[in-house]
Amino acid sequence: MFEKIKKLFKKETFSCIVWDGKIMKYLDLTQKQIDEMTNKGLSVTKKDEC
């Protein structure tokens, strides 16, 4: 029971490579953060897609 409740509050994160045209960063991001960065014109690739 406790584990089911705990899963509700756990955010799913993805290992990502973020590229702004000059600098590449390796971050763990939520899907919402990925969408926000993409809207700002940054290139975001999930590591499992590489």
C-alpha atoms as a PDB file:
ATOM      1  CA  MET A   1       0.000   0.000   0.000  1.00  0.00           C
ATOM      2  CA  PHE A   2       2.734   2.444   0.983  1.00  0.00           C
ATOM      3  CA  GLU A   3       4.667   1.684  -2.226  1.00  0.00           C
ATOM      4  CA  LYS A   4       1.617   2.512  -4.377  1.00  0.00           C
ATOM      5  CA  ILE A   5       1.223   5.882  -2.668  1.00  0.00           C
ATOM      6  CA  LYS A   6       4.943   6.550  -2.972  1.00  0.00           C
ATOM      7  CA  LYS A   7       4.804   5.949  -6.757  1.00  0.00           C
ATOM      8  CA  LEU A   8       2.176   8.691  -7.125  1.00  0.00           C
ATOM      9  CA  PHE A   9       4.623  11.314  -5.866  1.00  0.00           C
ATOM     10  CA  LYS A  10       7.689  10.049  -7.715  1.00  0.00           C
ATOM     11  CA  LYS A  11       8.511  12.078 -10.821  1.00  0.00           C
ATOM     12  CA  GLU A  12       9.650  10.128 -13.845  1.00  0.00           C
ATOM     13  CA  THR A  13      12.946  11.544 -15.051  1.00  0.00           C
ATOM     14  CA  PHE A  14      14.933  10.816 -18.189  1.00  0.00           C
ATOM     15  CA  SER A  15      18.668  11.058 -18.770  1.00  0.00           C
ATOM     16  CA  CYS A  16      19.002  13.698 -21.461  1.00  0.00           C
ATOM     17  CA  ILE A  17      21.573  15.488 -23.570  1.00  0.00           C
ATOM     18  CA  VAL A  18      20.800  19.207 -23.914  1.00  0.00           C
ATOM     19  CA  TRP A  19      22.510  21.150 -26.713  1.00  0.00           C
ATOM     20  CA  ASP A  20      22.263  24.918 -27.067  1.00  0.00           C
ATOM     21  CA  GLY A  21      24.482  25.179 -30.144  1.00  0.00           C
ATOM     22  CA  LYS A  22      27.706  25.629 -28.169  1.00  0.00           C
ATOM     23  CA  ILE A  23      27.592  23.632 -24.953  1.00  0.00           C
ATOM     24  CA  MET A  24      26.340  20.085 -24.399  1.00  0.00           C
ATOM     25  CA  LYS A  25      24.976  19.224 -20.941  1.00  0.00           C
ATOM     26  CA  TYR A  26      23.918  15.882 -19.495  1.00  0.00           C
ATOM     27  CA  LEU A  27      20.878  16.263 -17.238  1.00  0.00           C
ATOM     28  CA  ASP A  28      18.072  14.253 -15.684  1.00  0.00           C
ATOM     29  CA  LEU A  29      14.842  15.982 -16.672  1.00  0.00           C
ATOM     30  CA  THR A  30      11.107  15.426 -16.341  1.00  0.00           C
ATOM     31  CA  GLN A  31       8.971  15.422 -19.488  1.00  0.00           C
ATOM     32  CA  LYS A  32       7.632  18.880 -18.560  1.00  0.00           C
ATOM     33  CA  GLN A  33      11.191  20.270 -18.331  1.00  0.00           C
ATOM     34  CA  ILE A  34      12.064  18.660 -21.681  1.00  0.00           C
ATOM     35  CA  ASP A  35       9.032  20.321 -23.302  1.00  0.00           C
ATOM     36  CA  GLU A  36       9.949  23.723 -21.804  1.00  0.00           C
ATOM     37  CA  MET A  37      13.534  23.520 -23.093  1.00  0.00           C
ATOM     38  CA  THR A  38      12.365  22.433 -26.538  1.00  0.00           C
ATOM     39  CA  ASN A  39      10.010  25.434 -26.661  1.00  0.00           C
ATOM     40  CA  LYS A  40      12.997  27.702 -25.878  1.00  0.00           C
ATOM     41  CA  GLY A  41      14.789  26.388 -28.975  1.00  0.00           C
ATOM     42  CA  LEU A  42      17.203  24.022 -27.239  1.00  0.00           C
ATOM     43  CA  SER A  43      17.872  20.578 -28.649  1.00  0.00           C
ATOM     44  CA  VAL A  44      16.977  17.846 -26.120  1.00  0.00           C
ATOM     45  CA  THR A  45      17.664  14.168 -26.794  1.00  0.00           C
ATOM     46  CA  LYS A  46      16.877  11.354 -24.384  1.00  0.00           C
ATOM     47  CA  LYS A  47      19.939   9.137 -23.938  1.00  0.00           C
ATOM     48  CA  ASP A  48      17.983   5.989 -24.789  1.00  0.00           C
ATOM     49  CA  GLU A  49      17.196   7.542 -28.207  1.00  0.00           C
ATOM     50  CA  CYS A  50      20.888   7.968 -29.082  1.00  0.00           C
END
